Amino acid sequence: MTEVDVAKLRPLLANSCDEQAHATMNRNLNRVVEINVGLVNDLVAVRDERDEVIARAECAEAAIERAKSKHRKMTDDDEPYCLTCYQSPYGHAPWPCPTVAALDTGREKSDE
């Protein structure tokens, strides 16, 4: 119910009840308007917060993809390894390397 709706109701109420009842209904209508305004403000705040969380999640996903793009799976003699991660004196890290494994942890469930 908007303030315009309340304004339309006020004349109808004025003609249908005594002064005390009219005053009570006016107070109640004013309270309804206040509640509605509060709810709209709350909804706007929640929407803004949701948009911020979505933007942060998208940035995090992009960062994960950038990191993963630097860690590529290579195969040599049928043993996959990470081209980027080098574990001296052992050579390249086996695939998936610790970085890719850490970035993928928990993502399997969220990708389903």
PDB file of N, CA and C in Angstrom:
ATOM      1  N   MET A   1       0.858  -1.170   0.000  1.00  0.00           N
ATOM      2  CA  MET A   1       0.000   0.000   0.000  1.00  0.00           C
ATOM      3  C   MET A   1       0.898   1.225   0.000  1.00  0.00           C
ATOM      4  N   THR A   2       0.662   2.084  -0.959  1.00  0.00           N
ATOM      5  CA  THR A   2       1.472   3.297  -1.085  1.00  0.00           C
ATOM      6  C   THR A   2       0.765   4.472  -0.421  1.00  0.00           C
ATOM      7  N   GLU A   3       1.473   5.590  -0.352  1.00  0.00           N
ATOM      8  CA  GLU A   3       0.871   6.800   0.209  1.00  0.00           C
ATOM      9  C   GLU A   3      -0.304   7.267  -0.652  1.00  0.00           C
ATOM     10  N   VAL A   4      -0.252   7.024  -1.946  1.00  0.00           N
ATOM     11  CA  VAL A   4      -1.360   7.377  -2.841  1.00  0.00           C
ATOM     12  C   VAL A   4      -2.591   6.544  -2.493  1.00  0.00           C
ATOM     13  N   ASP A   5      -2.386   5.253  -2.241  1.00  0.00           N
ATOM     14  CA  ASP A   5      -3.504   4.387  -1.847  1.00  0.00           C
ATOM     15  C   ASP A   5      -4.130   4.870  -0.545  1.00  0.00           C
ATOM     16  N   VAL A   6      -3.286   5.252   0.397  1.00  0.00           N
ATOM     17  CA  VAL A   6      -3.780   5.745   1.686  1.00  0.00           C
ATOM     18  C   VAL A   6      -4.571   7.031   1.485  1.00  0.00           C
ATOM     19  N   ALA A   7      -4.082   7.918   0.635  1.00  0.00           N
ATOM     20  CA  ALA A   7      -4.781   9.180   0.363  1.00  0.00           C
ATOM     21  C   ALA A   7      -6.160   8.924  -0.221  1.00  0.00           C
ATOM     22  N   LYS A   8      -6.299   7.887  -1.040  1.00  0.00           N
ATOM     23  CA  LYS A   8      -7.603   7.544  -1.614  1.00  0.00           C
ATOM     24  C   LYS A   8      -8.556   6.993  -0.549  1.00  0.00           C
ATOM     25  N   LEU A   9      -7.994   6.299   0.442  1.00  0.00           N
ATOM     26  CA  LEU A   9      -8.829   5.713   1.490  1.00  0.00           C
ATOM     27  C   LEU A   9      -9.307   6.746   2.520  1.00  0.00           C
ATOM     28  N   ARG A  10      -8.529   7.758   2.766  1.00  0.00           N
ATOM     29  CA  ARG A  10      -8.859   8.711   3.828  1.00  0.00           C
ATOM     30  C   ARG A  10     -10.254   9.329   3.671  1.00  0.00           C
ATOM     31  N   PRO A  11     -10.662   9.809   2.486  1.00  0.00           N
ATOM     32  CA  PRO A  11     -12.010  10.388   2.369  1.00  0.00           C
ATOM     33  C   PRO A  11     -13.111   9.361   2.624  1.00  0.00           C
ATOM     34  N   LEU A  12     -12.881   8.135   2.206  1.00  0.00           N
ATOM     35  CA  LEU A  12     -13.881   7.088   2.446  1.00  0.00           C
ATOM     36  C   LEU A  12     -14.059   6.842   3.935  1.00  0.00           C
ATOM     37  N   LEU A  13     -12.940   6.838   4.651  1.00  0.00           N
ATOM     38  CA  LEU A  13     -13.007   6.620   6.100  1.00  0.00           C
ATOM     39  C   LEU A  13     -13.678   7.797   6.807  1.00  0.00           C
ATOM     40  N   ALA A  14     -13.419   8.982   6.332  1.00  0.00           N
ATOM     41  CA  ALA A  14     -13.978  10.173   6.971  1.00  0.00           C
ATOM     42  C   ALA A  14     -15.496  10.158   6.919  1.00  0.00           C
ATOM     43  N   ASN A  15     -16.057   9.617   5.874  1.00  0.00           N
ATOM     44  CA  ASN A  15     -17.505   9.605   5.717  1.00  0.00           C
ATOM     45  C   ASN A  15     -18.175   8.405   6.399  1.00  0.00           C
ATOM     46  N   SER A  16     -17.371   7.440   6.849  1.00  0.00           N
ATOM     47  CA  SER A  16     -17.989   6.209   7.335  1.00  0.00           C
ATOM     48  C   SER A  16     -17.842   5.971   8.826  1.00  0.00           C
ATOM     49  N   CYS A  17     -17.275   6.908   9.585  1.00  0.00           N
ATOM     50  CA  CYS A  17     -17.104   6.641  11.009  1.00  0.00           C
ATOM     51  C   CYS A  17     -17.072   7.944  11.805  1.00  0.00           C
ATOM     52  N   ASP A  18     -17.158   7.782  13.136  1.00  0.00           N
ATOM     53  CA  ASP A  18     -17.106   8.977  13.986  1.00  0.00           C
ATOM     54  C   ASP A  18     -15.668   9.498  14.079  1.00  0.00           C
ATOM     55  N   GLU A  19     -15.519  10.631  14.766  1.00  0.00           N
ATOM     56  CA  GLU A  19     -14.223  11.305  14.831  1.00  0.00           C
ATOM     57  C   GLU A  19     -13.139  10.455  15.482  1.00  0.00           C
ATOM     58  N   GLN A  20     -13.479   9.796  16.567  1.00  0.00           N
ATOM     59  CA  GLN A  20     -12.483   8.985  17.286  1.00  0.00           C
ATOM     60  C   GLN A  20     -12.042   7.802  16.421  1.00  0.00           C
ATOM     61  N   ALA A  21     -12.997   7.145  15.796  1.00  0.00           N
ATOM     62  CA  ALA A  21     -12.663   6.019  14.926  1.00  0.00           C
ATOM     63  C   ALA A  21     -11.836   6.499  13.735  1.00  0.00           C
ATOM     64  N   HIS A  22     -12.208   7.653  13.219  1.00  0.00           N
ATOM     65  CA  HIS A  22     -11.473   8.230  12.101  1.00  0.00           C
ATOM     66  C   HIS A  22     -10.021   8.508  12.509  1.00  0.00           C
ATOM     67  N   ALA A  23      -9.805   9.074  13.682  1.00  0.00           N
ATOM     68  CA  ALA A  23      -8.452   9.367  14.165  1.00  0.00           C
ATOM     69  C   ALA A  23      -7.656   8.079  14.339  1.00  0.00           C
ATOM     70  N   THR A  24      -8.287   7.052  14.884  1.00  0.00           N
ATOM     71  CA  THR A  24      -7.610   5.763  15.058  1.00  0.00           C
ATOM     72  C   THR A  24      -7.221   5.170  13.708  1.00  0.00           C
ATOM     73  N   MET A  25      -8.145   5.202  12.747  1.00  0.00           N
ATOM     74  CA  MET A  25      -7.848   4.663  11.415  1.00  0.00           C
ATOM     75  C   MET A  25      -6.742   5.461  10.736  1.00  0.00           C
ATOM     76  N   ASN A  26      -6.746   6.782  10.933  1.00  0.00           N
ATOM     77  CA  ASN A  26      -5.688   7.619  10.367  1.00  0.00           C
ATOM     78  C   ASN A  26      -4.328   7.221  10.921  1.00  0.00           C
ATOM     79  N   ARG A  27      -4.261   7.028  12.249  1.00  0.00           N
ATOM     80  CA  ARG A  27      -3.004   6.600  12.869  1.00  0.00           C
ATOM     81  C   ARG A  27      -2.569   5.242  12.318  1.00  0.00           C
ATOM     82  N   ASN A  28      -3.518   4.345  12.197  1.00  0.00           N
ATOM     83  CA  ASN A  28      -3.192   3.012  11.678  1.00  0.00           C
ATOM     84  C   ASN A  28      -2.714   3.078  10.220  1.00  0.00           C
ATOM     85  N   LEU A  29      -3.369   3.896   9.414  1.00  0.00           N
ATOM     86  CA  LEU A  29      -2.935   4.049   8.030  1.00  0.00           C
ATOM     87  C   LEU A  29      -1.531   4.660   7.957  1.00  0.00           C
ATOM     88  N   ASN A  30      -1.280   5.655   8.811  1.00  0.00           N
ATOM     89  CA  ASN A  30       0.054   6.250   8.843  1.00  0.00           C
ATOM     90  C   ASN A  30       1.106   5.203   9.229  1.00  0.00           C
ATOM     91  N   ARG A  31       0.757   4.361  10.159  1.00  0.00           N
ATOM     92  CA  ARG A  31       1.679   3.304  10.594  1.00  0.00           C
ATOM     93  C   ARG A  31       1.929   2.313   9.454  1.00  0.00           C
ATOM     94  N   VAL A  32       0.885   1.968   8.709  1.00  0.00           N
ATOM     95  CA  VAL A  32       1.038   1.065   7.555  1.00  0.00           C
ATOM     96  C   VAL A  32       1.993   1.680   6.537  1.00  0.00           C
ATOM     97  N   VAL A  33       1.845   2.960   6.290  1.00  0.00           N
ATOM     98  CA  VAL A  33       2.739   3.645   5.345  1.00  0.00           C
ATOM     99  C   VAL A  33       4.177   3.597   5.869  1.00  0.00           C
ATOM    100  N   GLU A  34       4.379   3.875   7.153  1.00  0.00           N
ATOM    101  CA  GLU A  34       5.720   3.834   7.741  1.00  0.00           C
ATOM    102  C   GLU A  34       6.333   2.440   7.604  1.00  0.00           C
ATOM    103  N   ILE A  35       5.538   1.424   7.884  1.00  0.00           N
ATOM    104  CA  ILE A  35       6.025   0.041   7.777  1.00  0.00           C
ATOM    105  C   ILE A  35       6.403  -0.264   6.334  1.00  0.00           C
ATOM    106  N   ASN A  36       5.551   0.118   5.398  1.00  0.00           N
ATOM    107  CA  ASN A  36       5.832  -0.133   3.987  1.00  0.00           C
ATOM    108  C   ASN A  36       7.111   0.576   3.534  1.00  0.00           C
ATOM    109  N   VAL A  37       7.278   1.813   3.956  1.00  0.00           N
ATOM    110  CA  VAL A  37       8.490   2.552   3.590  1.00  0.00           C
ATOM    111  C   VAL A  37       9.711   1.838   4.170  1.00  0.00           C
ATOM    112  N   GLY A  38       9.611   1.390   5.407  1.00  0.00           N
ATOM    113  CA  GLY A  38      10.715   0.648   6.031  1.00  0.00           C
ATOM    114  C   GLY A  38      11.026  -0.633   5.282  1.00  0.00           C
ATOM    115  N   LEU A  39       9.980  -1.353   4.875  1.00  0.00           N
ATOM    116  CA  LEU A  39      10.185  -2.599   4.134  1.00  0.00           C
ATOM    117  C   LEU A  39      10.838  -2.345   2.777  1.00  0.00           C
ATOM    118  N   VAL A  40      10.402  -1.306   2.110  1.00  0.00           N
ATOM    119  CA  VAL A  40      11.013  -0.963   0.815  1.00  0.00           C
ATOM    120  C   VAL A  40      12.485  -0.620   1.014  1.00  0.00           C
ATOM    121  N   ASN A  41      12.796   0.161   2.041  1.00  0.00           N
ATOM    122  CA  ASN A  41      14.192   0.512   2.322  1.00  0.00           C
ATOM    123  C   ASN A  41      15.016  -0.731   2.635  1.00  0.00           C
ATOM    124  N   ASP A  42      14.437  -1.653   3.404  1.00  0.00           N
ATOM    125  CA  ASP A  42      15.134  -2.905   3.721  1.00  0.00           C
ATOM    126  C   ASP A  42      15.382  -3.725   2.456  1.00  0.00           C
ATOM    127  N   LEU A  43      14.379  -3.793   1.590  1.00  0.00           N
ATOM    128  CA  LEU A  43      14.537  -4.546   0.339  1.00  0.00           C
ATOM    129  C   LEU A  43      15.628  -3.941  -0.543  1.00  0.00           C
ATOM    130  N   VAL A  44      15.679  -2.632  -0.613  1.00  0.00           N
ATOM    131  CA  VAL A  44      16.714  -1.961  -1.401  1.00  0.00           C
ATOM    132  C   VAL A  44      18.096  -2.278  -0.819  1.00  0.00           C
ATOM    133  N   ALA A  45      18.222  -2.246   0.499  1.00  0.00           N
ATOM    134  CA  ALA A  45      19.505  -2.552   1.142  1.00  0.00           C
ATOM    135  C   ALA A  45      19.924  -3.994   0.877  1.00  0.00           C
ATOM    136  N   VAL A  46      18.967  -4.917   0.965  1.00  0.00           N
ATOM    137  CA  VAL A  46      19.267  -6.332   0.701  1.00  0.00           C
ATOM    138  C   VAL A  46      19.667  -6.525  -0.758  1.00  0.00           C
ATOM    139  N   ARG A  47      18.972  -5.865  -1.664  1.00  0.00           N
ATOM    140  CA  ARG A  47      19.316  -5.963  -3.088  1.00  0.00           C
ATOM    141  C   ARG A  47      20.728  -5.443  -3.334  1.00  0.00           C
ATOM    142  N   ASP A  48      21.060  -4.305  -2.727  1.00  0.00           N
ATOM    143  CA  ASP A  48      22.393  -3.731  -2.898  1.00  0.00           C
ATOM    144  C   ASP A  48      23.466  -4.662  -2.336  1.00  0.00           C
ATOM    145  N   GLU A  49      23.191  -5.236  -1.175  1.00  0.00           N
ATOM    146  CA  GLU A  49      24.146  -6.175  -0.570  1.00  0.00           C
ATOM    147  C   GLU A  49      24.312  -7.414  -1.446  1.00  0.00           C
ATOM    148  N   ARG A  50      23.205  -7.926  -1.973  1.00  0.00           N
ATOM    149  CA  ARG A  50      23.255  -9.085  -2.879  1.00  0.00           C
ATOM    150  C   ARG A  50      24.101  -8.769  -4.105  1.00  0.00           C
ATOM    151  N   ASP A  51      23.898  -7.597  -4.682  1.00  0.00           N
ATOM    152  CA  ASP A  51      24.663  -7.203  -5.865  1.00  0.00           C
ATOM    153  C   ASP A  51      26.154  -7.124  -5.550  1.00  0.00           C
ATOM    154  N   GLU A  52      26.491  -6.617  -4.363  1.00  0.00           N
ATOM    155  CA  GLU A  52      27.894  -6.525  -3.964  1.00  0.00           C
ATOM    156  C   GLU A  52      28.500  -7.922  -3.783  1.00  0.00           C
ATOM    157  N   VAL A  53      27.753  -8.822  -3.164  1.00  0.00           N
ATOM    158  CA  VAL A  53      28.234 -10.194  -2.965  1.00  0.00           C
ATOM    159  C   VAL A  53      28.433 -10.892  -4.306  1.00  0.00           C
ATOM    160  N   ILE A  54      27.514 -10.697  -5.228  1.00  0.00           N
ATOM    161  CA  ILE A  54      27.644 -11.294  -6.565  1.00  0.00           C
ATOM    162  C   ILE A  54      28.880 -10.749  -7.265  1.00  0.00           C
ATOM    163  N   ALA A  55      29.102  -9.451  -7.181  1.00  0.00           N
ATOM    164  CA  ALA A  55      30.275  -8.841  -7.821  1.00  0.00           C
ATOM    165  C   ALA A  55      31.568  -9.381  -7.217  1.00  0.00           C
ATOM    166  N   ARG A  56      31.599  -9.525  -5.888  1.00  0.00           N
ATOM    167  CA  ARG A  56      32.788 -10.075  -5.234  1.00  0.00           C
ATOM    168  C   ARG A  56      33.009 -11.525  -5.635  1.00  0.00           C
ATOM    169  N   ALA A  57      31.945 -12.298  -5.736  1.00  0.00           N
ATOM    170  CA  ALA A  57      32.067 -13.705  -6.144  1.00  0.00           C
ATOM    171  C   ALA A  57      32.582 -13.798  -7.573  1.00  0.00           C
ATOM    172  N   GLU A  58      32.090 -12.945  -8.447  1.00  0.00           N
ATOM    173  CA  GLU A  58      32.555 -12.958  -9.841  1.00  0.00           C
ATOM    174  C   GLU A  58      34.032 -12.596  -9.923  1.00  0.00           C
ATOM    175  N   CYS A  59      34.474 -11.628  -9.113  1.00  0.00           N
ATOM    176  CA  CYS A  59      35.898 -11.259  -9.076  1.00  0.00           C
ATOM    177  C   CYS A  59      36.740 -12.426  -8.561  1.00  0.00           C
ATOM    178  N   ALA A  60      36.238 -13.106  -7.532  1.00  0.00           N
ATOM    179  CA  ALA A  60      36.971 -14.252  -6.984  1.00  0.00           C
ATOM    180  C   ALA A  60      37.072 -15.373  -8.012  1.00  0.00           C
ATOM    181  N   GLU A  61      35.980 -15.643  -8.707  1.00  0.00           N
ATOM    182  CA  GLU A  61      35.995 -16.676  -9.750  1.00  0.00           C
ATOM    183  C   GLU A  61      36.991 -16.325 -10.848  1.00  0.00           C
ATOM    184  N   ALA A  62      37.036 -15.060 -11.239  1.00  0.00           N
ATOM    185  CA  ALA A  62      37.975 -14.625 -12.277  1.00  0.00           C
ATOM    186  C   ALA A  62      39.417 -14.789 -11.796  1.00  0.00           C
ATOM    187  N   ALA A  63      39.676 -14.468 -10.534  1.00  0.00           N
ATOM    188  CA  ALA A  63      41.025 -14.629  -9.983  1.00  0.00           C
ATOM    189  C   ALA A  63      41.432 -16.101  -9.960  1.00  0.00           C
ATOM    190  N   ILE A  64      40.501 -16.964  -9.598  1.00  0.00           N
ATOM    191  CA  ILE A  64      40.771 -18.408  -9.595  1.00  0.00           C
ATOM    192  C   ILE A  64      41.110 -18.874 -11.005  1.00  0.00           C
ATOM    193  N   GLU A  65      40.344 -18.450 -11.973  1.00  0.00           N
ATOM    194  CA  GLU A  65      40.596 -18.858 -13.361  1.00  0.00           C
ATOM    195  C   GLU A  65      41.937 -18.326 -13.860  1.00  0.00           C
ATOM    196  N   ARG A  66      42.312 -17.096 -13.466  1.00  0.00           N
ATOM    197  CA  ARG A  66      43.616 -16.553 -13.873  1.00  0.00           C
ATOM    198  C   ARG A  66      44.750 -17.382 -13.275  1.00  0.00           C
ATOM    199  N   ALA A  67      44.614 -17.735 -11.992  1.00  0.00           N
ATOM    200  CA  ALA A  67      45.648 -18.554 -11.349  1.00  0.00           C
ATOM    201  C   ALA A  67      45.729 -19.928 -11.996  1.00  0.00           C
ATOM    202  N   LYS A  68      44.571 -20.534 -12.256  1.00  0.00           N
ATOM    203  CA  LYS A  68      44.573 -21.879 -12.859  1.00  0.00           C
ATOM    204  C   LYS A  68      45.137 -21.858 -14.278  1.00  0.00           C
ATOM    205  N   SER A  69      44.969 -20.756 -14.996  1.00  0.00           N
ATOM    206  CA  SER A  69      45.467 -20.700 -16.369  1.00  0.00           C
ATOM    207  C   SER A  69      47.000 -20.725 -16.408  1.00  0.00           C
ATOM    208  N   LYS A  70      47.634 -20.355 -15.311  1.00  0.00           N
ATOM    209  CA  LYS A  70      49.095 -20.376 -15.246  1.00  0.00           C
ATOM    210  C   LYS A  70      49.620 -21.766 -14.883  1.00  0.00           C
ATOM    211  N   HIS A  71      48.772 -22.614 -14.369  1.00  0.00           N
ATOM    212  CA  HIS A  71      49.165 -23.965 -13.968  1.00  0.00           C
ATOM    213  C   HIS A  71      48.544 -24.941 -14.959  1.00  0.00           C
ATOM    214  N   ARG A  72      49.380 -25.368 -15.901  1.00  0.00           N
ATOM    215  CA  ARG A  72      48.865 -26.223 -16.970  1.00  0.00           C
ATOM    216  C   ARG A  72      49.371 -27.649 -16.830  1.00  0.00           C
ATOM    217  N   LYS A  73      48.494 -28.552 -17.146  1.00  0.00           N
ATOM    218  CA  LYS A  73      48.829 -29.978 -17.090  1.00  0.00           C
ATOM    219  C   LYS A  73      49.653 -30.349 -18.320  1.00  0.00           C
ATOM    220  N   MET A  74      50.767 -30.980 -18.047  1.00  0.00           N
ATOM    221  CA  MET A  74      51.623 -31.484 -19.115  1.00  0.00           C
ATOM    222  C   MET A  74      51.809 -32.985 -18.892  1.00  0.00           C
ATOM    223  N   THR A  75      52.109 -33.692 -19.948  1.00  0.00           N
ATOM    224  CA  THR A  75      52.327 -35.131 -19.823  1.00  0.00           C
ATOM    225  C   THR A  75      53.660 -35.485 -20.462  1.00  0.00           C
ATOM    226  N   ASP A  76      54.450 -36.218 -19.702  1.00  0.00           N
ATOM    227  CA  ASP A  76      55.749 -36.676 -20.175  1.00  0.00           C
ATOM    228  C   ASP A  76      55.913 -38.111 -19.682  1.00  0.00           C
ATOM    229  N   ASP A  77      56.075 -39.032 -20.594  1.00  0.00           N
ATOM    230  CA  ASP A  77      56.185 -40.449 -20.234  1.00  0.00           C
ATOM    231  C   ASP A  77      54.959 -40.905 -19.435  1.00  0.00           C
ATOM    232  N   ASP A  78      53.774 -40.439 -19.807  1.00  0.00           N
ATOM    233  CA  ASP A  78      52.495 -40.807 -19.186  1.00  0.00           C
ATOM    234  C   ASP A  78      52.346 -40.365 -17.732  1.00  0.00           C
ATOM    235  N   GLU A  79      53.234 -39.519 -17.252  1.00  0.00           N
ATOM    236  CA  GLU A  79      53.114 -38.988 -15.892  1.00  0.00           C
ATOM    237  C   GLU A  79      52.730 -37.519 -15.985  1.00  0.00           C
ATOM    238  N   PRO A  80      51.480 -37.171 -15.694  1.00  0.00           N
ATOM    239  CA  PRO A  80      51.098 -35.759 -15.791  1.00  0.00           C
ATOM    240  C   PRO A  80      51.763 -34.925 -14.691  1.00  0.00           C
ATOM    241  N   TYR A  81      52.131 -33.701 -15.048  1.00  0.00           N
ATOM    242  CA  TYR A  81      52.758 -32.793 -14.096  1.00  0.00           C
ATOM    243  C   TYR A  81      52.331 -31.363 -14.420  1.00  0.00           C
ATOM    244  N   CYS A  82      52.623 -30.460 -13.485  1.00  0.00           N
ATOM    245  CA  CYS A  82      52.305 -29.036 -13.677  1.00  0.00           C
ATOM    246  C   CYS A  82      53.514 -28.359 -14.292  1.00  0.00           C
ATOM    247  N   LEU A  83      53.291 -27.672 -15.390  1.00  0.00           N
ATOM    248  CA  LEU A  83      54.365 -26.980 -16.092  1.00  0.00           C
ATOM    249  C   LEU A  83      54.934 -25.830 -15.257  1.00  0.00           C
ATOM    250  N   THR A  84      54.131 -25.242 -14.376  1.00  0.00           N
ATOM    251  CA  THR A  84      54.548 -24.071 -13.607  1.00  0.00           C
ATOM    252  C   THR A  84      55.255 -24.435 -12.305  1.00  0.00           C
ATOM    253  N   CYS A  85      54.742 -25.415 -11.609  1.00  0.00           N
ATOM    254  CA  CYS A  85      55.272 -25.753 -10.286  1.00  0.00           C
ATOM    255  C   CYS A  85      56.509 -26.638 -10.402  1.00  0.00           C
ATOM    256  N   TYR A  86      57.572 -26.164  -9.831  1.00  0.00           N
ATOM    257  CA  TYR A  86      58.820 -26.911  -9.856  1.00  0.00           C
ATOM    258  C   TYR A  86      59.224 -27.161  -8.419  1.00  0.00           C
ATOM    259  N   GLN A  87      59.425 -28.429  -8.063  1.00  0.00           N
ATOM    260  CA  GLN A  87      59.760 -28.791  -6.694  1.00  0.00           C
ATOM    261  C   GLN A  87      61.200 -29.313  -6.664  1.00  0.00           C
ATOM    262  N   SER A  88      62.132 -28.395  -6.524  1.00  0.00           N
ATOM    263  CA  SER A  88      63.546 -28.773  -6.501  1.00  0.00           C
ATOM    264  C   SER A  88      63.806 -29.652  -5.287  1.00  0.00           C
ATOM    265  N   PRO A  89      64.536 -30.680  -5.342  1.00  0.00           N
ATOM    266  CA  PRO A  89      65.286 -31.261  -6.448  1.00  0.00           C
ATOM    267  C   PRO A  89      64.476 -32.315  -7.218  1.00  0.00           C
ATOM    268  N   TYR A  90      63.166 -32.368  -7.012  1.00  0.00           N
ATOM    269  CA  TYR A  90      62.356 -33.439  -7.590  1.00  0.00           C
ATOM    270  C   TYR A  90      61.822 -33.136  -8.986  1.00  0.00           C
ATOM    271  N   GLY A  91      61.968 -31.930  -9.438  1.00  0.00           N
ATOM    272  CA  GLY A  91      61.438 -31.557 -10.738  1.00  0.00           C
ATOM    273  C   GLY A  91      60.043 -30.981 -10.603  1.00  0.00           C
ATOM    274  N   HIS A  92      59.268 -31.129 -11.645  1.00  0.00           N
ATOM    275  CA  HIS A  92      57.915 -30.557 -11.661  1.00  0.00           C
ATOM    276  C   HIS A  92      56.984 -31.312 -10.715  1.00  0.00           C
ATOM    277  N   ALA A  93      56.029 -30.579 -10.178  1.00  0.00           N
ATOM    278  CA  ALA A  93      55.036 -31.168  -9.268  1.00  0.00           C
ATOM    279  C   ALA A  93      54.088 -32.052 -10.053  1.00  0.00           C
ATOM    280  N   PRO A  94      53.703 -33.190  -9.475  1.00  0.00           N
ATOM    281  CA  PRO A  94      52.733 -34.049 -10.167  1.00  0.00           C
ATOM    282  C   PRO A  94      51.385 -33.344 -10.292  1.00  0.00           C
ATOM    283  N   TRP A  95      50.623 -33.726 -11.316  1.00  0.00           N
ATOM    284  CA  TRP A  95      49.295 -33.137 -11.559  1.00  0.00           C
ATOM    285  C   TRP A  95      48.248 -33.887 -10.770  1.00  0.00           C
ATOM    286  N   PRO A  96      47.294 -33.236 -10.161  1.00  0.00           N
ATOM    287  CA  PRO A  96      47.173 -31.777 -10.068  1.00  0.00           C
ATOM    288  C   PRO A  96      48.175 -31.245  -9.046  1.00  0.00           C
ATOM    289  N   CYS A  97      48.767 -30.123  -9.360  1.00  0.00           N
ATOM    290  CA  CYS A  97      49.734 -29.509  -8.454  1.00  0.00           C
ATOM    291  C   CYS A  97      48.998 -28.995  -7.216  1.00  0.00           C
ATOM    292  N   PRO A  98      49.711 -28.675  -6.157  1.00  0.00           N
ATOM    293  CA  PRO A  98      49.051 -28.178  -4.940  1.00  0.00           C
ATOM    294  C   PRO A  98      48.190 -26.935  -5.180  1.00  0.00           C
ATOM    295  N   THR A  99      48.621 -26.075  -6.091  1.00  0.00           N
ATOM    296  CA  THR A  99      47.851 -24.849  -6.365  1.00  0.00           C
ATOM    297  C   THR A  99      46.501 -25.185  -6.982  1.00  0.00           C
ATOM    298  N   VAL A 100      46.511 -25.997  -8.024  1.00  0.00           N
ATOM    299  CA  VAL A 100      45.251 -26.367  -8.691  1.00  0.00           C
ATOM    300  C   VAL A 100      44.367 -27.159  -7.742  1.00  0.00           C
ATOM    301  N   ALA A 101      44.975 -28.074  -6.979  1.00  0.00           N
ATOM    302  CA  ALA A 101      44.180 -28.868  -6.024  1.00  0.00           C
ATOM    303  C   ALA A 101      43.505 -27.958  -4.996  1.00  0.00           C
ATOM    304  N   ALA A 102      44.241 -26.955  -4.509  1.00  0.00           N
ATOM    305  CA  ALA A 102      43.665 -26.035  -3.524  1.00  0.00           C
ATOM    306  C   ALA A 102      42.556 -25.191  -4.145  1.00  0.00           C
ATOM    307  N   LEU A 103      42.764 -24.735  -5.379  1.00  0.00           N
ATOM    308  CA  LEU A 103      41.748 -23.901  -6.032  1.00  0.00           C
ATOM    309  C   LEU A 103      40.491 -24.695  -6.368  1.00  0.00           C
ATOM    310  N   ASP A 104      40.650 -25.989  -6.612  1.00  0.00           N
ATOM    311  CA  ASP A 104      39.499 -26.829  -6.951  1.00  0.00           C
ATOM    312  C   ASP A 104      38.775 -27.388  -5.730  1.00  0.00           C
ATOM    313  N   THR A 105      39.370 -27.286  -4.551  1.00  0.00           N
ATOM    314  CA  THR A 105      38.756 -27.837  -3.350  1.00  0.00           C
ATOM    315  C   THR A 105      37.399 -27.192  -3.105  1.00  0.00           C
ATOM    316  N   GLY A 106      36.373 -28.002  -3.016  1.00  0.00           N
ATOM    317  CA  GLY A 106      35.015 -27.524  -2.753  1.00  0.00           C
ATOM    318  C   GLY A 106      34.267 -27.054  -3.977  1.00  0.00           C
ATOM    319  N   ARG A 107      34.927 -26.873  -5.080  1.00  0.00           N
ATOM    320  CA  ARG A 107      34.267 -26.375  -6.290  1.00  0.00           C
ATOM    321  C   ARG A 107      33.465 -27.459  -6.998  1.00  0.00           C
ATOM    322  N   GLU A 108      33.861 -28.723  -6.821  1.00  0.00           N
ATOM    323  CA  GLU A 108      33.146 -29.800  -7.500  1.00  0.00           C
ATOM    324  C   GLU A 108      31.670 -29.794  -7.108  1.00  0.00           C
ATOM    325  N   LYS A 109      31.395 -29.599  -5.839  1.00  0.00           N
ATOM    326  CA  LYS A 109      30.010 -29.599  -5.360  1.00  0.00           C
ATOM    327  C   LYS A 109      29.252 -28.372  -5.857  1.00  0.00           C
ATOM    328  N   SER A 110      29.933 -27.210  -5.881  1.00  0.00           N
ATOM    329  CA  SER A 110      29.242 -25.982  -6.306  1.00  0.00           C
ATOM    330  C   SER A 110      29.033 -25.942  -7.804  1.00  0.00           C
ATOM    331  N   ASP A 111      29.802 -26.711  -8.563  1.00  0.00           N
ATOM    332  CA  ASP A 111      29.641 -26.747 -10.021  1.00  0.00           C
ATOM    333  C   ASP A 111      28.502 -27.662 -10.452  1.00  0.00           C
ATOM    334  N   GLU A 112      28.010 -28.498  -9.555  1.00  0.00           N
ATOM    335  CA  GLU A 112      26.949 -29.460  -9.904  1.00  0.00           C
ATOM    336  C   GLU A 112      25.611 -28.778 -10.041  1.00  0.00           C
TER     337      GLU A 112
END
